[in-house]
N, C-alpha and C. Protein backbone atom coordinates (compact mmCIF):
# COMPACT_ATOMS: atom_id res chain seq x y z
N MET A 1 8.56 3.23 4.15
CA MET A 1 7.09 2.73 4.24
C MET A 1 7.34 1.39 5.03
N THR A 2 6.51 1.42 6.11
CA THR A 2 6.71 0.05 6.91
C THR A 2 5.65 -1.00 6.31
N GLN A 3 6.01 -2.08 6.02
CA GLN A 3 5.17 -3.31 5.75
C GLN A 3 4.73 -4.03 6.67
N ASN A 4 3.52 -3.66 7.57
CA ASN A 4 3.21 -4.46 8.68
C ASN A 4 2.82 -5.75 8.59
N SER A 5 2.50 -6.01 7.52
CA SER A 5 1.83 -7.45 7.12
C SER A 5 2.91 -8.41 7.04
N GLY A 6 4.16 -8.26 6.90
CA GLY A 6 5.27 -9.40 6.75
C GLY A 6 5.49 -9.52 5.18
N THR A 7 4.87 -9.12 4.37
CA THR A 7 4.59 -9.51 3.17
C THR A 7 5.21 -8.53 2.21
N PRO A 8 6.54 -8.57 1.41
CA PRO A 8 7.03 -7.48 0.60
C PRO A 8 5.89 -7.28 -0.27
N GLY A 9 5.63 -5.81 -0.63
CA GLY A 9 4.69 -5.39 -1.45
C GLY A 9 3.39 -5.32 -0.87
N ILE A 10 2.93 -5.46 0.30
CA ILE A 10 1.81 -5.19 1.11
C ILE A 10 1.97 -4.34 2.30
N ASP A 11 1.28 -3.45 2.76
CA ASP A 11 1.35 -2.62 3.88
C ASP A 11 -0.32 -2.68 4.63
N SER A 12 -0.76 -3.44 5.09
CA SER A 12 -1.95 -3.56 5.33
C SER A 12 -2.65 -2.44 6.34
N SER A 13 -1.72 -1.78 6.79
CA SER A 13 -2.16 -0.32 7.35
C SER A 13 -2.43 0.92 6.78
N VAL A 14 -2.20 0.81 5.30
CA VAL A 14 -2.81 2.08 4.30
C VAL A 14 -4.07 1.75 3.91
N PRO A 15 -5.05 3.07 4.22
CA PRO A 15 -6.12 2.90 3.52
C PRO A 15 -6.31 2.99 2.05
N PRO A 16 -7.20 2.78 1.76
CA PRO A 16 -7.51 3.22 0.09
C PRO A 16 -7.60 4.70 -0.09
N SER A 17 -7.32 5.18 -1.54
CA SER A 17 -6.90 6.34 -1.88
C SER A 17 -8.21 7.03 -2.17
N GLY A 18 -9.34 6.16 -2.00
CA GLY A 18 -10.68 6.89 -2.41
C GLY A 18 -11.46 5.68 -2.85
N THR A 19 -12.48 6.14 -3.29
CA THR A 19 -13.56 4.91 -3.79
C THR A 19 -13.77 4.80 -5.26
N GLY A 20 -13.02 5.65 -5.87
CA GLY A 20 -12.95 5.40 -7.32
C GLY A 20 -11.56 5.28 -8.18
N CYS A 21 -11.43 5.13 -9.15
CA CYS A 21 -9.87 5.00 -9.93
C CYS A 21 -9.47 6.43 -9.96
N ALA A 22 -8.39 6.73 -9.26
CA ALA A 22 -7.67 8.11 -8.67
C ALA A 22 -7.74 8.60 -10.41
N GLU A 23 -7.01 8.17 -11.49
CA GLU A 23 -6.79 8.98 -12.68
C GLU A 23 -8.10 9.38 -13.38
N CYS A 24 -9.14 8.13 -13.54
CA CYS A 24 -10.16 8.47 -14.20
C CYS A 24 -11.06 9.50 -13.71
N LEU A 25 -11.15 9.57 -12.04
CA LEU A 25 -11.78 10.59 -11.77
C LEU A 25 -11.15 12.20 -11.91
N GLU A 26 -9.93 12.20 -12.01
CA GLU A 26 -9.14 13.46 -12.38
C GLU A 26 -9.43 13.72 -13.66
N HIS A 27 -9.52 12.90 -14.68
CA HIS A 27 -9.70 13.10 -16.16
C HIS A 27 -10.96 12.88 -16.78
N ASP A 28 -11.84 12.98 -15.86
CA ASP A 28 -13.38 12.48 -16.31
C ASP A 28 -13.54 11.53 -17.10
N GLY A 29 -12.68 10.26 -16.81
CA GLY A 29 -12.86 8.97 -17.37
C GLY A 29 -13.81 7.76 -16.75
N TRP A 30 -13.82 6.50 -17.05
CA TRP A 30 -14.57 5.81 -16.45
C TRP A 30 -13.95 4.40 -16.40
N TRP A 31 -14.45 3.52 -15.29
CA TRP A 31 -13.76 2.26 -15.37
C TRP A 31 -14.70 1.21 -15.23
N PHE A 32 -14.31 0.01 -15.51
CA PHE A 32 -14.94 -1.21 -15.30
C PHE A 32 -15.18 -1.92 -14.01
N HIS A 33 -14.12 -2.21 -13.48
CA HIS A 33 -13.84 -2.67 -12.06
C HIS A 33 -12.54 -1.99 -11.41
N LEU A 34 -12.62 -1.99 -10.10
CA LEU A 34 -11.59 -1.32 -9.53
C LEU A 34 -10.47 -2.32 -8.84
N ARG A 35 -9.15 -1.64 -8.67
CA ARG A 35 -8.10 -2.56 -8.16
C ARG A 35 -7.56 -1.72 -7.14
N ARG A 36 -7.09 -2.16 -5.88
CA ARG A 36 -6.45 -1.52 -4.84
C ARG A 36 -4.72 -1.88 -4.86
N CYS A 37 -3.88 -1.02 -4.73
CA CYS A 37 -2.64 -1.35 -4.63
C CYS A 37 -2.42 -1.80 -3.42
N ALA A 38 -1.71 -2.84 -3.01
CA ALA A 38 -1.86 -3.42 -1.67
C ALA A 38 -0.47 -2.79 -0.79
N GLN A 39 0.04 -1.85 -1.49
CA GLN A 39 1.35 -1.16 -0.86
C GLN A 39 1.00 0.02 -0.42
N CYS A 40 0.31 0.87 -1.54
CA CYS A 40 0.09 2.29 -1.03
C CYS A 40 -1.36 2.74 -0.86
N GLY A 41 -2.22 1.85 -1.29
CA GLY A 41 -3.68 2.05 -1.40
C GLY A 41 -4.38 2.57 -2.72
N HIS A 42 -3.43 2.91 -3.40
CA HIS A 42 -3.84 3.74 -4.92
C HIS A 42 -4.88 2.84 -5.58
N ILE A 43 -5.96 3.68 -5.74
CA ILE A 43 -7.21 3.12 -6.47
C ILE A 43 -7.15 2.95 -7.88
N GLY A 44 -7.12 1.97 -8.71
CA GLY A 44 -7.11 2.28 -10.10
C GLY A 44 -7.94 1.17 -11.05
N CYS A 45 -8.25 1.49 -12.00
CA CYS A 45 -9.26 0.68 -12.64
C CYS A 45 -8.67 -0.55 -13.47
N CYS A 46 -9.22 -1.71 -13.45
CA CYS A 46 -8.84 -3.02 -14.17
C CYS A 46 -8.26 -3.05 -15.48
N ASP A 47 -7.64 -4.02 -15.76
CA ASP A 47 -7.13 -4.26 -17.25
C ASP A 47 -8.27 -4.29 -18.15
N SER A 48 -9.28 -4.59 -17.80
CA SER A 48 -10.51 -4.67 -18.79
C SER A 48 -11.03 -3.21 -19.15
N SER A 49 -10.69 -2.43 -17.96
CA SER A 49 -11.25 -0.81 -18.25
C SER A 49 -10.36 -0.18 -19.37
N PRO A 50 -10.78 0.59 -20.12
CA PRO A 50 -10.16 1.47 -21.16
C PRO A 50 -8.60 1.91 -20.78
N ALA A 51 -8.45 2.41 -19.62
CA ALA A 51 -7.22 3.13 -19.18
C ALA A 51 -6.20 2.22 -18.55
N GLN A 52 -7.03 1.27 -17.92
CA GLN A 52 -6.05 0.24 -17.06
C GLN A 52 -4.91 0.75 -16.15
N HIS A 53 -5.19 1.90 -15.44
CA HIS A 53 -4.85 2.60 -14.39
C HIS A 53 -4.11 1.64 -13.31
N ALA A 54 -4.56 0.58 -12.79
CA ALA A 54 -3.94 0.02 -11.75
C ALA A 54 -2.89 -0.86 -12.22
N SER A 55 -2.66 -1.57 -13.53
CA SER A 55 -1.36 -2.10 -13.91
C SER A 55 -0.43 -0.94 -14.10
N ALA A 56 -0.81 0.04 -14.94
CA ALA A 56 -0.12 1.38 -15.10
C ALA A 56 0.79 1.36 -13.77
N HIS A 57 0.09 1.90 -12.72
CA HIS A 57 0.57 2.14 -11.52
C HIS A 57 1.41 1.24 -10.79
N ALA A 58 1.09 -0.16 -11.08
CA ALA A 58 2.15 -0.79 -10.45
C ALA A 58 3.33 -1.01 -11.65
N GLU A 59 3.41 -0.91 -12.69
CA GLU A 59 4.62 -0.56 -13.71
C GLU A 59 5.41 0.48 -13.18
N GLN A 60 4.77 1.62 -13.19
CA GLN A 60 5.56 2.85 -12.68
C GLN A 60 5.92 3.17 -11.26
N THR A 61 5.51 2.40 -10.46
CA THR A 61 5.86 2.57 -8.98
C THR A 61 6.70 1.09 -8.43
N GLY A 62 6.59 0.25 -9.15
CA GLY A 62 7.02 -1.04 -8.83
C GLY A 62 6.27 -1.69 -7.82
N HIS A 63 5.02 -1.21 -7.41
CA HIS A 63 4.20 -2.05 -6.40
C HIS A 63 3.48 -3.22 -7.17
N PRO A 64 3.76 -4.47 -6.99
CA PRO A 64 3.52 -5.46 -7.58
C PRO A 64 2.06 -6.23 -7.17
N ILE A 65 1.69 -5.69 -6.30
CA ILE A 65 0.57 -6.56 -5.71
C ILE A 65 -0.85 -5.67 -5.68
N VAL A 66 -1.95 -5.91 -6.09
CA VAL A 66 -3.29 -5.36 -6.31
C VAL A 66 -4.31 -6.41 -5.36
N ARG A 67 -5.24 -5.95 -5.05
CA ARG A 67 -6.49 -6.49 -4.35
C ARG A 67 -7.53 -6.18 -5.00
N SER A 68 -8.46 -7.03 -5.30
CA SER A 68 -9.78 -6.43 -5.86
C SER A 68 -10.34 -5.45 -4.93
N PHE A 69 -10.98 -4.46 -5.43
CA PHE A 69 -11.70 -3.38 -4.63
C PHE A 69 -13.16 -3.42 -4.78
N GLU A 70 -13.98 -4.60 -5.41
CA GLU A 70 -14.81 -4.83 -5.74
C GLU A 70 -15.70 -5.60 -4.43
N PRO A 71 -17.01 -5.13 -4.17
CA PRO A 71 -17.47 -5.69 -3.01
C PRO A 71 -17.76 -7.47 -3.25
N GLY A 72 -17.53 -8.04 -1.86
CA GLY A 72 -17.49 -9.30 -1.85
C GLY A 72 -16.19 -10.38 -2.31
N GLU A 73 -15.25 -9.44 -3.06
CA GLU A 73 -13.97 -9.92 -3.60
C GLU A 73 -12.90 -9.50 -2.65
N ASP A 74 -11.96 -10.73 -2.31
CA ASP A 74 -10.84 -10.48 -1.48
C ASP A 74 -9.75 -11.16 -2.08
N TRP A 75 -9.57 -11.27 -3.48
CA TRP A 75 -8.32 -11.66 -4.18
C TRP A 75 -7.33 -10.79 -4.22
N PHE A 76 -6.09 -11.36 -4.07
CA PHE A 76 -4.91 -10.40 -4.42
C PHE A 76 -4.35 -10.91 -5.75
N TRP A 77 -3.68 -10.01 -6.65
CA TRP A 77 -3.13 -10.42 -7.93
C TRP A 77 -1.63 -9.66 -7.82
N HIS A 78 -0.62 -10.85 -8.32
CA HIS A 78 0.78 -10.22 -8.14
C HIS A 78 1.18 -9.97 -9.67
N TYR A 79 1.18 -8.71 -10.24
CA TYR A 79 1.52 -8.46 -11.65
C TYR A 79 2.95 -9.08 -12.07
N GLY A 80 3.87 -8.86 -11.10
CA GLY A 80 5.44 -9.69 -11.49
C GLY A 80 5.43 -11.23 -11.76
N GLU A 81 4.51 -11.46 -11.01
CA GLU A 81 4.49 -13.28 -10.96
C GLU A 81 2.98 -13.82 -11.92
N SER A 82 2.19 -12.95 -12.46
CA SER A 82 1.13 -13.02 -13.17
C SER A 82 0.23 -14.14 -12.61
N GLN A 83 0.08 -14.06 -11.26
CA GLN A 83 -0.63 -15.19 -10.60
C GLN A 83 -1.45 -14.57 -9.26
N TYR A 84 -2.62 -15.35 -8.93
CA TYR A 84 -3.13 -14.71 -7.64
C TYR A 84 -2.36 -14.97 -6.57
N TYR A 85 -2.69 -14.44 -5.42
CA TYR A 85 -1.67 -14.13 -4.52
C TYR A 85 -2.69 -14.45 -3.01
N ASN A 86 -1.95 -14.83 -2.22
CA ASN A 86 -2.52 -14.82 -0.82
C ASN A 86 -2.12 -13.35 0.07
N GLY A 87 -3.03 -12.82 0.72
CA GLY A 87 -2.50 -11.58 1.51
C GLY A 87 -3.42 -11.49 2.43
N PRO A 88 -2.96 -10.56 3.40
CA PRO A 88 -3.95 -10.19 4.72
C PRO A 88 -5.03 -9.32 4.49
N GLU A 89 -5.84 -9.16 5.48
CA GLU A 89 -6.80 -8.23 5.80
C GLU A 89 -6.17 -6.87 5.52
N LEU A 90 -6.77 -5.95 4.84
CA LEU A 90 -6.16 -4.82 4.51
C LEU A 90 -6.99 -3.57 5.22
N ALA A 91 -6.73 -2.35 5.48
CA ALA A 91 -7.15 -1.37 6.16
C ALA A 91 -8.51 -1.12 5.62
N PRO A 92 -9.84 -0.89 6.26
CA PRO A 92 -10.92 -0.63 5.58
C PRO A 92 -10.82 0.89 4.84
N PRO A 93 -11.93 1.04 4.04
CA PRO A 93 -12.83 -0.03 3.52
C PRO A 93 -12.27 -1.26 2.45
N GLN A 94 -12.85 -2.28 2.50
CA GLN A 94 -12.33 -3.14 1.68
C GLN A 94 -12.78 -3.28 0.18
N SER A 95 -13.92 -2.53 0.08
CA SER A 95 -14.12 -2.24 -1.46
C SER A 95 -14.99 -1.02 -1.54
N ARG A 96 -15.08 -0.71 -2.81
CA ARG A 96 -15.93 0.47 -3.18
C ARG A 96 -17.17 0.45 -2.61
N PRO A 97 -17.79 1.63 -2.52
CA PRO A 97 -19.35 1.26 -2.05
C PRO A 97 -20.46 0.49 -2.73
N GLU A 98 -21.10 -0.29 -2.34
CA GLU A 98 -21.96 -1.08 -2.67
C GLU A 98 -22.99 -0.37 -3.54
N ASP A 99 -23.20 0.60 -3.39
CA ASP A 99 -24.36 1.52 -4.31
C ASP A 99 -23.75 2.29 -5.45
N GLN A 100 -22.17 2.19 -5.45
CA GLN A 100 -21.54 2.73 -6.43
C GLN A 100 -22.00 2.01 -7.96
N PRO A 101 -22.25 2.48 -9.14
CA PRO A 101 -22.66 1.74 -10.08
C PRO A 101 -21.23 0.99 -10.89
N VAL A 102 -21.55 -0.31 -11.68
CA VAL A 102 -20.60 -0.86 -12.15
C VAL A 102 -21.15 -0.71 -13.86
N PRO A 103 -20.40 -0.21 -14.70
CA PRO A 103 -19.28 0.56 -14.50
C PRO A 103 -19.49 1.72 -13.99
N GLY A 104 -18.58 2.53 -13.58
CA GLY A 104 -18.51 3.81 -12.92
C GLY A 104 -17.55 4.63 -13.42
N PRO A 105 -17.59 6.03 -13.07
CA PRO A 105 -18.48 6.63 -12.01
C PRO A 105 -20.04 7.01 -12.87
N ALA A 106 -21.23 7.22 -12.24
CA ALA A 106 -22.27 7.47 -12.92
C ALA A 106 -22.09 8.83 -13.63
N GLY A 107 -22.43 8.99 -14.73
CA GLY A 107 -22.49 10.03 -15.59
C GLY A 107 -21.43 10.17 -16.34
N ASN A 108 -20.28 9.40 -16.21
CA ASN A 108 -19.38 9.17 -17.13
C ASN A 108 -19.24 7.93 -18.36
N VAL A 109 -19.90 6.99 -17.87
CA VAL A 109 -19.87 5.85 -18.45
C VAL A 109 -20.68 5.96 -20.11
N PRO A 110 -20.07 5.77 -21.33
CA PRO A 110 -20.49 5.86 -22.48
C PRO A 110 -21.68 4.94 -22.40
N ALA A 111 -23.16 5.11 -23.40
CA ALA A 111 -23.79 4.01 -23.60
C ALA A 111 -23.25 2.82 -24.11
N ASP A 112 -22.41 2.86 -25.17
CA ASP A 112 -21.87 1.88 -25.77
C ASP A 112 -20.64 1.44 -24.98
N TRP A 113 -20.34 1.39 -23.80
CA TRP A 113 -19.38 1.09 -22.94
C TRP A 113 -18.66 -0.35 -22.90
N GLN A 114 -19.69 -1.17 -23.65
CA GLN A 114 -19.23 -2.49 -23.58
C GLN A 114 -18.17 -2.76 -24.92
N GLN A 115 -18.46 -1.74 -25.75
CA GLN A 115 -17.44 -1.75 -26.81
C GLN A 115 -16.09 -1.50 -26.69
N HIS A 116 -15.82 -0.75 -25.39
CA HIS A 116 -14.80 0.17 -25.19
C HIS A 116 -13.68 -0.95 -24.15
N LEU A 117 -14.10 -2.19 -23.56
CA LEU A 117 -13.56 -3.07 -22.89
C LEU A 117 -12.44 -3.37 -23.40
N ASN A 118 -11.12 -3.67 -22.84
CA ASN A 118 -10.07 -4.55 -23.39
C ASN A 118 -10.01 -5.95 -23.13
């Protein structure tokens, strides 16, 4: 895979895999916030979410950098270095749809969702 940003672990040409956590959607789960793999575009749920799919993806694939997939946020996180990271503009869209609820997806979030956060 070509990394056209010049930064190892980031391919700015790859679009996101969807608008929600791929694994949560597949298994009728739910998420708190979303993270986008900066290398392959995989959308996973954050470490506060019950399933923590974004960090599991990083561990399984060796893709160390994610970008927030929340509206108005443009920060990157490097799992291997456990620190924020500077990165380029990624292929659109830059975030989940603004009308998508948090937590989400609608209909899957339990009434006591705050009790399930990590």
